[in-house]
Amino acid sequence: MERDQEAAFISEHTYRATSAVLTHLWDAKHSFFVSGANRQISWASQVWMALAGVLNATGNGKLMDRLFEHPPEIGMTTPYMYHHLIEALFESGRPEKALEQIRAYWGEMVKDGADCFWEIYNPNDKKLSPYGSNLINSYCHAWSCTPTYFIRKYLL
């Protein structure tokens, strides 16, 4: 009985959180989730909401499509965030777009000479660093496994 109560508790809180997100963070005018007092629209917020399953499968697919049709100004610069974008694309029924993004992001690193993948990579600012200098960025980072992980998980 205890597990049934835990399941009911989780289900109720998930429902309440999802309802609150749809009521307070969904911007129907832009068809994106917003964040903060300025109601900013970012790639990350859309990815997190898709992975959380706030919308149904059809809604998540449309949300992912809109990201590429109307890209938010607040973008992504790390393999960490691209990893989650790729997962959201696969989970939203967009495997072709996921592969396109793997090729575009990690493929571009290879074109720039990477023999393993980097902690941060912005094709438009190749010296970007959260540390004040790209000389101390990690050039062999854990997110190197993203392409092979998703190929094995979703494509083999």
N, C-alpha and C. Protein backbone atom coordinates (compact mmCIF):
# COMPACT_ATOMS: atom_id res chain seq x y z
N MET A 1 0.82 -1.20 0.00
CA MET A 1 0.00 0.00 0.00
C MET A 1 0.87 1.26 0.00
N GLU A 2 2.01 1.20 0.68
CA GLU A 2 2.88 2.37 0.76
C GLU A 2 3.32 2.83 -0.63
N ARG A 3 3.67 1.89 -1.51
CA ARG A 3 4.08 2.24 -2.89
C ARG A 3 2.93 2.88 -3.66
N ASP A 4 1.72 2.40 -3.46
CA ASP A 4 0.55 3.00 -4.12
C ASP A 4 0.38 4.45 -3.67
N GLN A 5 0.59 4.70 -2.39
CA GLN A 5 0.47 6.06 -1.88
C GLN A 5 1.57 6.95 -2.45
N GLU A 6 2.77 6.42 -2.55
CA GLU A 6 3.88 7.18 -3.15
C GLU A 6 3.58 7.50 -4.60
N ALA A 7 3.07 6.51 -5.33
CA ALA A 7 2.74 6.71 -6.74
C ALA A 7 1.65 7.77 -6.89
N ALA A 8 0.65 7.73 -6.04
CA ALA A 8 -0.43 8.72 -6.09
C ALA A 8 0.11 10.11 -5.76
N PHE A 9 0.99 10.20 -4.78
CA PHE A 9 1.61 11.46 -4.39
C PHE A 9 2.40 12.05 -5.56
N ILE A 10 3.22 11.23 -6.19
CA ILE A 10 4.03 11.69 -7.33
C ILE A 10 3.13 12.11 -8.48
N SER A 11 2.13 11.32 -8.76
CA SER A 11 1.21 11.63 -9.85
C SER A 11 0.50 12.97 -9.61
N GLU A 12 0.02 13.19 -8.41
CA GLU A 12 -0.68 14.44 -8.07
C GLU A 12 0.25 15.64 -8.20
N HIS A 13 1.47 15.52 -7.71
CA HIS A 13 2.42 16.63 -7.78
C HIS A 13 2.88 16.89 -9.21
N THR A 14 3.02 15.85 -9.99
CA THR A 14 3.36 16.02 -11.41
C THR A 14 2.25 16.76 -12.13
N TYR A 15 1.02 16.36 -11.87
CA TYR A 15 -0.13 17.02 -12.48
C TYR A 15 -0.18 18.50 -12.08
N ARG A 16 0.02 18.79 -10.81
CA ARG A 16 -0.02 20.18 -10.33
C ARG A 16 1.10 21.01 -10.93
N ALA A 17 2.30 20.45 -10.99
CA ALA A 17 3.44 21.19 -11.56
C ALA A 17 3.22 21.44 -13.05
N THR A 18 2.74 20.44 -13.76
CA THR A 18 2.46 20.60 -15.20
C THR A 18 1.39 21.65 -15.43
N SER A 19 0.34 21.62 -14.64
CA SER A 19 -0.73 22.62 -14.76
C SER A 19 -0.19 24.02 -14.49
N ALA A 20 0.65 24.17 -13.47
CA ALA A 20 1.23 25.48 -13.15
C ALA A 20 2.12 25.98 -14.29
N VAL A 21 2.92 25.09 -14.85
CA VAL A 21 3.79 25.48 -15.97
C VAL A 21 2.95 25.95 -17.14
N LEU A 22 1.92 25.21 -17.48
CA LEU A 22 1.08 25.59 -18.62
C LEU A 22 0.32 26.90 -18.35
N THR A 23 -0.05 27.13 -17.10
CA THR A 23 -0.77 28.35 -16.75
C THR A 23 0.14 29.57 -16.71
N HIS A 24 1.33 29.42 -16.14
CA HIS A 24 2.19 30.58 -15.86
C HIS A 24 3.38 30.74 -16.80
N LEU A 25 3.82 29.70 -17.44
CA LEU A 25 5.04 29.79 -18.26
C LEU A 25 4.80 29.63 -19.76
N TRP A 26 3.64 29.18 -20.15
CA TRP A 26 3.34 29.02 -21.58
C TRP A 26 2.87 30.35 -22.14
N ASP A 27 3.53 30.82 -23.19
CA ASP A 27 3.15 32.07 -23.86
C ASP A 27 2.47 31.69 -25.17
N ALA A 28 1.15 31.77 -25.19
CA ALA A 28 0.38 31.35 -26.36
C ALA A 28 0.67 32.21 -27.58
N LYS A 29 0.99 33.48 -27.36
CA LYS A 29 1.28 34.39 -28.49
C LYS A 29 2.51 33.91 -29.27
N HIS A 30 3.55 33.50 -28.54
CA HIS A 30 4.79 33.06 -29.18
C HIS A 30 4.88 31.54 -29.33
N SER A 31 3.99 30.82 -28.67
CA SER A 31 4.02 29.36 -28.64
C SER A 31 5.35 28.82 -28.13
N PHE A 32 5.82 29.46 -27.06
CA PHE A 32 7.03 29.04 -26.38
C PHE A 32 6.81 29.18 -24.87
N PHE A 33 7.64 28.46 -24.11
CA PHE A 33 7.67 28.65 -22.67
C PHE A 33 8.56 29.85 -22.36
N VAL A 34 8.18 30.62 -21.34
CA VAL A 34 8.94 31.81 -20.96
C VAL A 34 9.49 31.62 -19.56
N SER A 35 10.45 32.48 -19.21
CA SER A 35 11.10 32.37 -17.91
C SER A 35 11.37 33.76 -17.35
N GLY A 36 11.15 33.91 -16.06
CA GLY A 36 11.52 35.13 -15.35
C GLY A 36 10.59 36.30 -15.58
N ALA A 37 10.91 37.39 -14.86
CA ALA A 37 10.09 38.60 -14.91
C ALA A 37 10.05 39.20 -16.31
N ASN A 38 11.13 39.03 -17.06
CA ASN A 38 11.18 39.57 -18.43
C ASN A 38 10.60 38.61 -19.46
N ARG A 39 10.12 37.48 -19.00
CA ARG A 39 9.50 36.47 -19.87
C ARG A 39 10.43 36.11 -21.05
N GLN A 40 11.68 35.86 -20.71
CA GLN A 40 12.65 35.51 -21.75
C GLN A 40 12.32 34.16 -22.36
N ILE A 41 12.66 34.02 -23.61
CA ILE A 41 12.47 32.76 -24.34
C ILE A 41 13.85 32.24 -24.70
N SER A 42 14.14 31.03 -24.26
CA SER A 42 15.45 30.44 -24.54
C SER A 42 15.28 29.04 -25.12
N TRP A 43 16.32 28.59 -25.80
CA TRP A 43 16.35 27.22 -26.28
C TRP A 43 16.23 26.26 -25.10
N ALA A 44 17.00 26.53 -24.04
CA ALA A 44 17.06 25.61 -22.90
C ALA A 44 15.68 25.39 -22.29
N SER A 45 14.91 26.45 -22.10
CA SER A 45 13.59 26.28 -21.49
C SER A 45 12.70 25.36 -22.32
N GLN A 46 12.77 25.49 -23.62
CA GLN A 46 11.93 24.65 -24.49
C GLN A 46 12.38 23.19 -24.40
N VAL A 47 13.69 22.98 -24.39
CA VAL A 47 14.24 21.63 -24.30
C VAL A 47 13.83 20.98 -22.98
N TRP A 48 13.98 21.72 -21.86
CA TRP A 48 13.63 21.14 -20.55
C TRP A 48 12.15 20.78 -20.50
N MET A 49 11.30 21.65 -21.04
CA MET A 49 9.87 21.37 -20.99
C MET A 49 9.50 20.17 -21.87
N ALA A 50 10.16 20.04 -23.01
CA ALA A 50 9.91 18.88 -23.87
C ALA A 50 10.34 17.59 -23.15
N LEU A 51 11.52 17.62 -22.54
CA LEU A 51 11.99 16.43 -21.83
C LEU A 51 11.13 16.11 -20.61
N ALA A 52 10.55 17.12 -20.00
CA ALA A 52 9.67 16.90 -18.85
C ALA A 52 8.30 16.40 -19.27
N GLY A 53 8.01 16.44 -20.56
CA GLY A 53 6.72 15.95 -21.03
C GLY A 53 5.56 16.85 -20.64
N VAL A 54 5.82 18.16 -20.53
CA VAL A 54 4.77 19.09 -20.16
C VAL A 54 3.67 19.09 -21.23
N LEU A 55 4.07 19.04 -22.49
CA LEU A 55 3.12 18.93 -23.59
C LEU A 55 3.00 17.45 -23.97
N ASN A 56 1.98 17.10 -24.72
CA ASN A 56 1.89 15.73 -25.22
C ASN A 56 2.89 15.52 -26.36
N ALA A 57 2.98 14.33 -26.89
CA ALA A 57 3.97 14.00 -27.92
C ALA A 57 3.82 14.90 -29.14
N THR A 58 2.61 15.15 -29.59
CA THR A 58 2.39 16.02 -30.75
C THR A 58 2.83 17.44 -30.43
N GLY A 59 2.47 17.93 -29.25
CA GLY A 59 2.86 19.28 -28.84
C GLY A 59 4.36 19.42 -28.72
N ASN A 60 5.03 18.40 -28.19
CA ASN A 60 6.50 18.45 -28.09
C ASN A 60 7.14 18.50 -29.47
N GLY A 61 6.62 17.73 -30.40
CA GLY A 61 7.16 17.76 -31.76
C GLY A 61 7.01 19.13 -32.39
N LYS A 62 5.84 19.73 -32.21
CA LYS A 62 5.62 21.08 -32.75
C LYS A 62 6.52 22.11 -32.07
N LEU A 63 6.73 21.94 -30.76
CA LEU A 63 7.61 22.84 -30.03
C LEU A 63 9.03 22.75 -30.58
N MET A 64 9.51 21.53 -30.82
CA MET A 64 10.85 21.36 -31.37
C MET A 64 10.94 21.96 -32.77
N ASP A 65 9.90 21.78 -33.57
CA ASP A 65 9.90 22.38 -34.91
C ASP A 65 9.99 23.90 -34.84
N ARG A 66 9.22 24.50 -33.91
CA ARG A 66 9.23 25.97 -33.77
C ARG A 66 10.60 26.49 -33.38
N LEU A 67 11.34 25.72 -32.57
CA LEU A 67 12.68 26.15 -32.18
C LEU A 67 13.55 26.45 -33.40
N PHE A 68 13.41 25.63 -34.41
CA PHE A 68 14.24 25.81 -35.60
C PHE A 68 13.62 26.79 -36.59
N GLU A 69 12.31 26.92 -36.57
CA GLU A 69 11.63 27.86 -37.46
C GLU A 69 11.74 29.30 -36.94
N HIS A 70 11.71 29.46 -35.62
CA HIS A 70 11.77 30.78 -34.96
C HIS A 70 12.74 30.70 -33.80
N PRO A 71 14.05 30.61 -34.08
CA PRO A 71 15.03 30.38 -33.01
C PRO A 71 15.04 31.52 -31.98
N PRO A 72 14.94 31.18 -30.71
CA PRO A 72 15.05 32.20 -29.66
C PRO A 72 16.44 32.84 -29.67
N GLU A 73 16.50 34.08 -29.23
CA GLU A 73 17.78 34.79 -29.18
C GLU A 73 18.73 34.16 -28.18
N ILE A 74 18.19 33.62 -27.10
CA ILE A 74 19.05 33.00 -26.09
C ILE A 74 19.32 31.57 -26.53
N GLY A 75 20.52 31.38 -27.06
CA GLY A 75 20.87 30.10 -27.68
C GLY A 75 21.61 29.16 -26.74
N MET A 76 22.35 28.27 -27.36
CA MET A 76 23.11 27.25 -26.63
C MET A 76 24.55 27.29 -27.12
N THR A 77 25.49 27.01 -26.20
CA THR A 77 26.90 27.01 -26.59
C THR A 77 27.68 25.82 -26.07
N THR A 78 27.02 24.92 -25.36
CA THR A 78 27.77 23.82 -24.76
C THR A 78 27.27 22.46 -25.26
N PRO A 79 28.19 21.50 -25.36
CA PRO A 79 27.76 20.14 -25.68
C PRO A 79 26.74 19.62 -24.68
N TYR A 80 26.83 20.06 -23.44
CA TYR A 80 25.85 19.67 -22.42
C TYR A 80 24.43 20.01 -22.89
N MET A 81 24.22 21.24 -23.31
CA MET A 81 22.87 21.64 -23.71
C MET A 81 22.49 21.01 -25.04
N TYR A 82 23.45 20.88 -25.96
CA TYR A 82 23.15 20.21 -27.23
C TYR A 82 22.78 18.76 -27.00
N HIS A 83 23.41 18.11 -26.02
CA HIS A 83 23.06 16.73 -25.67
C HIS A 83 21.57 16.64 -25.36
N HIS A 84 21.09 17.56 -24.55
CA HIS A 84 19.68 17.52 -24.15
C HIS A 84 18.76 17.92 -25.30
N LEU A 85 19.21 18.81 -26.16
CA LEU A 85 18.44 19.13 -27.37
C LEU A 85 18.29 17.88 -28.24
N ILE A 86 19.38 17.16 -28.43
CA ILE A 86 19.33 15.94 -29.25
C ILE A 86 18.34 14.94 -28.65
N GLU A 87 18.40 14.77 -27.33
CA GLU A 87 17.48 13.84 -26.68
C GLU A 87 16.03 14.31 -26.86
N ALA A 88 15.79 15.60 -26.69
CA ALA A 88 14.42 16.13 -26.87
C ALA A 88 13.93 15.91 -28.29
N LEU A 89 14.82 16.06 -29.27
CA LEU A 89 14.44 15.82 -30.66
C LEU A 89 14.07 14.36 -30.88
N PHE A 90 14.90 13.45 -30.39
CA PHE A 90 14.58 12.02 -30.53
C PHE A 90 13.27 11.70 -29.82
N GLU A 91 13.13 12.16 -28.59
CA GLU A 91 11.94 11.85 -27.80
C GLU A 91 10.68 12.50 -28.37
N SER A 92 10.85 13.55 -29.16
CA SER A 92 9.71 14.25 -29.76
C SER A 92 9.41 13.77 -31.18
N GLY A 93 10.05 12.66 -31.56
CA GLY A 93 9.78 12.10 -32.88
C GLY A 93 10.45 12.84 -34.02
N ARG A 94 11.60 13.43 -33.76
CA ARG A 94 12.34 14.17 -34.78
C ARG A 94 13.75 13.59 -34.97
N PRO A 95 13.86 12.28 -35.31
CA PRO A 95 15.18 11.67 -35.41
C PRO A 95 16.05 12.27 -36.51
N GLU A 96 15.45 12.68 -37.63
CA GLU A 96 16.24 13.27 -38.72
C GLU A 96 16.87 14.59 -38.26
N LYS A 97 16.09 15.39 -37.54
CA LYS A 97 16.59 16.66 -37.04
C LYS A 97 17.67 16.42 -35.99
N ALA A 98 17.50 15.40 -35.17
CA ALA A 98 18.52 15.06 -34.17
C ALA A 98 19.84 14.71 -34.86
N LEU A 99 19.78 13.88 -35.88
CA LEU A 99 21.01 13.53 -36.62
C LEU A 99 21.63 14.75 -37.30
N GLU A 100 20.78 15.59 -37.84
CA GLU A 100 21.27 16.82 -38.48
C GLU A 100 22.04 17.67 -37.47
N GLN A 101 21.51 17.77 -36.25
CA GLN A 101 22.17 18.56 -35.22
C GLN A 101 23.46 17.91 -34.72
N ILE A 102 23.49 16.60 -34.62
CA ILE A 102 24.73 15.91 -34.26
C ILE A 102 25.80 16.22 -35.30
N ARG A 103 25.43 16.09 -36.56
CA ARG A 103 26.39 16.36 -37.64
C ARG A 103 26.84 17.81 -37.63
N ALA A 104 25.89 18.71 -37.43
CA ALA A 104 26.22 20.13 -37.48
C ALA A 104 27.09 20.55 -36.30
N TYR A 105 26.78 20.10 -35.10
CA TYR A 105 27.50 20.58 -33.92
C TYR A 105 28.80 19.81 -33.70
N TRP A 106 28.70 18.50 -33.49
CA TRP A 106 29.92 17.73 -33.24
C TRP A 106 30.74 17.60 -34.52
N GLY A 107 30.07 17.54 -35.66
CA GLY A 107 30.80 17.50 -36.95
C GLY A 107 31.61 18.76 -37.17
N GLU A 108 31.06 19.89 -36.78
CA GLU A 108 31.80 21.16 -36.92
C GLU A 108 33.03 21.18 -36.03
N MET A 109 32.93 20.59 -34.84
CA MET A 109 34.11 20.49 -33.97
C MET A 109 35.20 19.67 -34.66
N VAL A 110 34.81 18.58 -35.32
CA VAL A 110 35.79 17.76 -36.03
C VAL A 110 36.44 18.58 -37.15
N LYS A 111 35.63 19.35 -37.88
CA LYS A 111 36.17 20.21 -38.93
C LYS A 111 37.16 21.23 -38.36
N ASP A 112 36.95 21.63 -37.12
CA ASP A 112 37.84 22.60 -36.48
C ASP A 112 39.04 21.93 -35.80
N GLY A 113 39.20 20.62 -36.02
CA GLY A 113 40.39 19.94 -35.55
C GLY A 113 40.24 19.13 -34.28
N ALA A 114 39.04 18.99 -33.77
CA ALA A 114 38.86 18.22 -32.54
C ALA A 114 39.12 16.74 -32.81
N ASP A 115 39.94 16.12 -31.97
CA ASP A 115 40.10 14.67 -32.03
C ASP A 115 39.40 14.01 -30.84
N CYS A 116 38.89 14.81 -29.94
CA CYS A 116 37.91 14.46 -28.93
C CYS A 116 37.11 15.74 -28.68
N PHE A 117 35.99 15.64 -28.04
CA PHE A 117 35.09 16.79 -28.03
C PHE A 117 35.29 17.69 -26.81
N TRP A 118 34.90 18.94 -27.00
CA TRP A 118 35.24 20.01 -26.07
C TRP A 118 34.13 20.32 -25.10
N GLU A 119 34.50 20.93 -24.01
CA GLU A 119 33.57 21.32 -22.95
C GLU A 119 32.60 22.40 -23.43
N ILE A 120 33.09 23.31 -24.20
CA ILE A 120 32.26 24.39 -24.73
C ILE A 120 32.64 24.60 -26.18
N TYR A 121 31.64 24.80 -27.01
CA TYR A 121 31.91 25.02 -28.42
C TYR A 121 30.79 25.87 -29.00
N ASN A 122 31.18 26.99 -29.54
CA ASN A 122 30.26 27.86 -30.25
C ASN A 122 30.85 28.10 -31.63
N PRO A 123 30.25 27.55 -32.68
CA PRO A 123 30.80 27.73 -34.02
C PRO A 123 30.96 29.19 -34.43
N ASN A 124 30.20 30.09 -33.79
CA ASN A 124 30.28 31.51 -34.11
C ASN A 124 31.27 32.28 -33.24
N ASP A 125 31.76 31.66 -32.18
CA ASP A 125 32.74 32.28 -31.29
C ASP A 125 33.63 31.18 -30.75
N LYS A 126 34.63 30.82 -31.52
CA LYS A 126 35.43 29.64 -31.23
C LYS A 126 36.36 29.82 -30.03
N LYS A 127 36.46 31.03 -29.50
CA LYS A 127 37.28 31.26 -28.31
C LYS A 127 36.44 31.48 -27.06
N LEU A 128 35.15 31.19 -27.15
CA LEU A 128 34.25 31.36 -26.01
C LEU A 128 34.71 30.50 -24.84
N SER A 129 34.66 31.07 -23.66
CA SER A 129 35.05 30.34 -22.45
C SER A 129 34.28 30.87 -21.25
N PRO A 130 33.82 29.97 -20.39
CA PRO A 130 33.20 30.42 -19.14
C PRO A 130 34.25 30.83 -18.10
N TYR A 131 35.53 30.64 -18.43
CA TYR A 131 36.62 30.85 -17.48
C TYR A 131 37.45 32.10 -17.77
N GLY A 132 37.08 32.86 -18.79
CA GLY A 132 37.84 34.06 -19.13
C GLY A 132 38.91 33.83 -20.18
N SER A 133 39.22 32.59 -20.47
CA SER A 133 40.20 32.27 -21.51
C SER A 133 39.95 30.86 -22.03
N ASN A 134 39.93 30.72 -23.34
CA ASN A 134 39.74 29.40 -23.92
C ASN A 134 40.94 28.48 -23.67
N LEU A 135 42.03 29.02 -23.22
CA LEU A 135 43.21 28.20 -22.95
C LEU A 135 43.00 27.24 -21.79
N ILE A 136 42.03 27.54 -20.92
CA ILE A 136 41.79 26.65 -19.79
C ILE A 136 40.49 25.85 -19.93
N ASN A 137 39.85 25.92 -21.10
CA ASN A 137 38.70 25.06 -21.38
C ASN A 137 39.17 23.61 -21.43
N SER A 138 38.26 22.70 -21.18
CA SER A 138 38.56 21.28 -21.34
C SER A 138 38.37 20.91 -22.81
N TYR A 139 39.38 20.28 -23.38
CA TYR A 139 39.29 19.85 -24.78
C TYR A 139 39.16 18.33 -24.90
N CYS A 140 38.80 17.70 -23.81
CA CYS A 140 38.47 16.27 -23.80
C CYS A 140 37.42 16.10 -22.71
N HIS A 141 36.17 16.30 -23.09
CA HIS A 141 35.12 16.41 -22.09
C HIS A 141 34.15 15.23 -22.14
N ALA A 142 33.44 15.03 -21.07
CA ALA A 142 32.52 13.89 -20.94
C ALA A 142 31.44 13.89 -22.02
N TRP A 143 31.06 15.05 -22.52
CA TRP A 143 29.99 15.12 -23.52
C TRP A 143 30.46 14.60 -24.87
N SER A 144 31.71 14.14 -24.93
CA SER A 144 32.21 13.52 -26.16
C SER A 144 31.37 12.31 -26.56
N CYS A 145 30.75 11.66 -25.59
CA CYS A 145 30.03 10.42 -25.88
C CYS A 145 28.65 10.65 -26.47
N THR A 146 28.15 11.87 -26.49
CA THR A 146 26.78 12.12 -26.93
C THR A 146 26.45 11.51 -28.29
N PRO A 147 27.23 11.76 -29.33
CA PRO A 147 26.84 11.19 -30.63
C PRO A 147 26.74 9.66 -30.61
N THR A 148 27.73 8.99 -30.03
CA THR A 148 27.67 7.53 -30.03
C THR A 148 26.57 7.01 -29.11
N TYR A 149 26.34 7.68 -28.02
CA TYR A 149 25.26 7.27 -27.11
C TYR A 149 23.92 7.30 -27.83
N PHE A 150 23.61 8.39 -28.50
CA PHE A 150 22.31 8.50 -29.15
C PHE A 150 22.20 7.62 -30.39
N ILE A 151 23.29 7.43 -31.09
CA ILE A 151 23.25 6.51 -32.24
C ILE A 151 22.91 5.12 -31.74
N ARG A 152 23.56 4.69 -30.67
CA ARG A 152 23.28 3.36 -30.12
C ARG A 152 21.89 3.27 -29.51
N LYS A 153 21.45 4.32 -28.82
CA LYS A 153 20.15 4.26 -28.13
C LYS A 153 18.97 4.32 -29.11
N TYR A 154 19.09 5.16 -30.13
CA TYR A 154 17.92 5.41 -30.98
C TYR A 154 18.02 4.85 -32.40
N LEU A 155 19.21 4.53 -32.86
CA LEU A 155 19.34 4.21 -34.28
C LEU A 155 19.81 2.78 -34.56
N LEU A 156 20.34 2.09 -33.58
CA LEU A 156 20.79 0.70 -33.83
C LEU A 156 19.82 -0.30 -33.30
